[in-house]
Amino acid sequence: SHSRIPAFKELYKKIKRHKDHILNTIRLGMSNARIEATNNKIKLIIRKAYGFRNIQNMLDMVYLVCSNLRVPLPNRRLKTA
């Protein structure tokens, strides 16, 4: 906070403003990585779904990919964990 470098002063202000959030992240060990990964999956599905005839087909694909639902395919065995 006592630095003469403007970038450090700005960094100090940001850290001070978000102090509670930073400490909660460290304490709980959580991040937004899982949310970002899911968001990326959805964006890829939307790109693949460009030719779908209606929006419901695209939404069904998002639900299928983002859930833990496993659809059994013919002539294939389901892997057990």
C-alpha atoms as a PDB file:
ATOM      1  CA  SER A   1       0.000   0.000   0.000  1.00  0.00           C
ATOM      2  CA  HIS A   2       2.994   2.303   0.502  1.00  0.00           C
ATOM      3  CA  SER A   3       4.631   1.543  -2.836  1.00  0.00           C
ATOM      4  CA  ARG A   4       5.225   4.285  -5.365  1.00  0.00           C
ATOM      5  CA  ILE A   5       4.526   1.904  -8.241  1.00  0.00           C
ATOM      6  CA  PRO A   6       0.938   2.419  -9.489  1.00  0.00           C
ATOM      7  CA  ALA A   7       0.491  -1.249 -10.459  1.00  0.00           C
ATOM      8  CA  PHE A   8       1.282  -2.365  -6.900  1.00  0.00           C
ATOM      9  CA  LYS A   9      -1.116   0.186  -5.447  1.00  0.00           C
ATOM     10  CA  GLU A  10      -3.871  -1.124  -7.729  1.00  0.00           C
ATOM     11  CA  LEU A  11      -3.052  -4.724  -6.770  1.00  0.00           C
ATOM     12  CA  TYR A  12      -3.234  -3.822  -3.078  1.00  0.00           C
ATOM     13  CA  LYS A  13      -6.675  -2.268  -3.592  1.00  0.00           C
ATOM     14  CA  LYS A  14      -7.945  -5.363  -5.421  1.00  0.00           C
ATOM     15  CA  ILE A  15      -6.632  -7.725  -2.752  1.00  0.00           C
ATOM     16  CA  LYS A  16      -8.127  -5.586  -0.002  1.00  0.00           C
ATOM     17  CA  ARG A  17     -11.481  -5.451  -1.810  1.00  0.00           C
ATOM     18  CA  HIS A  18     -11.636  -9.236  -2.351  1.00  0.00           C
ATOM     19  CA  LYS A  19      -9.932 -10.313   0.879  1.00  0.00           C
ATOM     20  CA  ASP A  20     -12.910 -12.303   2.214  1.00  0.00           C
ATOM     21  CA  HIS A  21     -13.376 -14.155  -1.074  1.00  0.00           C
ATOM     22  CA  ILE A  22      -9.667 -14.980  -1.326  1.00  0.00           C
ATOM     23  CA  LEU A  23      -9.589 -16.327   2.223  1.00  0.00           C
ATOM     24  CA  ASN A  24     -12.749 -18.401   1.642  1.00  0.00           C
ATOM     25  CA  THR A  25     -11.207 -19.924  -1.480  1.00  0.00           C
ATOM     26  CA  ILE A  26      -8.066 -20.887   0.428  1.00  0.00           C
ATOM     27  CA  ARG A  27      -9.982 -22.144   3.463  1.00  0.00           C
ATOM     28  CA  LEU A  28     -12.506 -24.236   1.507  1.00  0.00           C
ATOM     29  CA  GLY A  29     -10.118 -25.339  -1.235  1.00  0.00           C
ATOM     30  CA  MET A  30     -12.688 -24.608  -3.920  1.00  0.00           C
ATOM     31  CA  SER A  31     -12.332 -22.941  -7.280  1.00  0.00           C
ATOM     32  CA  ASN A  32     -14.473 -22.268 -10.311  1.00  0.00           C
ATOM     33  CA  ALA A  33     -12.544 -24.767 -12.445  1.00  0.00           C
ATOM     34  CA  ARG A  34     -15.391 -27.306 -12.486  1.00  0.00           C
ATOM     35  CA  ILE A  35     -17.883 -24.636 -13.549  1.00  0.00           C
ATOM     36  CA  GLU A  36     -15.548 -23.433 -16.295  1.00  0.00           C
ATOM     37  CA  ALA A  37     -15.082 -27.001 -17.544  1.00  0.00           C
ATOM     38  CA  THR A  38     -18.847 -27.544 -17.705  1.00  0.00           C
ATOM     39  CA  ASN A  39     -19.308 -24.229 -19.467  1.00  0.00           C
ATOM     40  CA  ASN A  40     -16.695 -25.264 -22.041  1.00  0.00           C
ATOM     41  CA  LYS A  41     -18.474 -28.600 -22.595  1.00  0.00           C
ATOM     42  CA  ILE A  42     -21.756 -26.781 -23.205  1.00  0.00           C
ATOM     43  CA  LYS A  43     -20.136 -24.407 -25.687  1.00  0.00           C
ATOM     44  CA  LEU A  44     -18.680 -27.351 -27.622  1.00  0.00           C
ATOM     45  CA  ILE A  45     -22.064 -29.092 -27.679  1.00  0.00           C
ATOM     46  CA  ILE A  46     -23.730 -25.932 -28.984  1.00  0.00           C
ATOM     47  CA  ARG A  47     -21.127 -25.730 -31.741  1.00  0.00           C
ATOM     48  CA  LYS A  48     -21.733 -29.378 -32.664  1.00  0.00           C
ATOM     49  CA  ALA A  49     -25.509 -28.855 -32.520  1.00  0.00           C
ATOM     50  CA  TYR A  50     -25.478 -26.233 -35.235  1.00  0.00           C
ATOM     51  CA  GLY A  51     -27.504 -28.434 -37.602  1.00  0.00           C
ATOM     52  CA  PHE A  52     -30.141 -29.548 -35.075  1.00  0.00           C
ATOM     53  CA  ARG A  53     -33.700 -28.775 -36.148  1.00  0.00           C
ATOM     54  CA  ASN A  54     -34.853 -27.410 -32.816  1.00  0.00           C
ATOM     55  CA  ILE A  55     -33.450 -26.134 -29.545  1.00  0.00           C
ATOM     56  CA  GLN A  56     -34.854 -29.036 -27.505  1.00  0.00           C
ATOM     57  CA  ASN A  57     -32.524 -31.506 -29.244  1.00  0.00           C
ATOM     58  CA  MET A  58     -29.552 -29.350 -28.296  1.00  0.00           C
ATOM     59  CA  LEU A  59     -30.754 -29.059 -24.682  1.00  0.00           C
ATOM     60  CA  ASP A  60     -31.229 -32.829 -24.499  1.00  0.00           C
ATOM     61  CA  MET A  61     -27.646 -33.283 -25.683  1.00  0.00           C
ATOM     62  CA  VAL A  62     -26.378 -30.866 -23.003  1.00  0.00           C
ATOM     63  CA  TYR A  63     -28.293 -32.758 -20.283  1.00  0.00           C
ATOM     64  CA  LEU A  64     -26.983 -36.087 -21.543  1.00  0.00           C
ATOM     65  CA  VAL A  65     -23.326 -35.041 -21.717  1.00  0.00           C
ATOM     66  CA  CYS A  66     -23.281 -33.040 -18.464  1.00  0.00           C
ATOM     67  CA  SER A  67     -25.009 -35.708 -16.379  1.00  0.00           C
ATOM     68  CA  ASN A  68     -23.619 -38.986 -15.092  1.00  0.00           C
ATOM     69  CA  LEU A  69     -26.240 -40.882 -17.059  1.00  0.00           C
ATOM     70  CA  ARG A  70     -24.784 -43.770 -19.043  1.00  0.00           C
ATOM     71  CA  VAL A  71     -26.782 -44.950 -22.030  1.00  0.00           C
ATOM     72  CA  PRO A  72     -26.280 -48.650 -22.790  1.00  0.00           C
ATOM     73  CA  LEU A  73     -25.364 -49.233 -26.416  1.00  0.00           C
ATOM     74  CA  PRO A  74     -26.290 -52.412 -28.260  1.00  0.00           C
ATOM     75  CA  ASN A  75     -23.680 -55.202 -28.096  1.00  0.00           C
ATOM     76  CA  ARG A  76     -21.644 -53.357 -25.465  1.00  0.00           C
ATOM     77  CA  ARG A  77     -21.187 -54.076 -21.795  1.00  0.00           C
ATOM     78  CA  LEU A  78     -21.361 -51.300 -19.229  1.00  0.00           C
ATOM     79  CA  LYS A  79     -18.127 -50.791 -17.347  1.00  0.00           C
ATOM     80  CA  THR A  80     -18.511 -50.978 -13.588  1.00  0.00           C
ATOM     81  CA  ALA A  81     -16.448 -48.656 -11.449  1.00  0.00           C
END
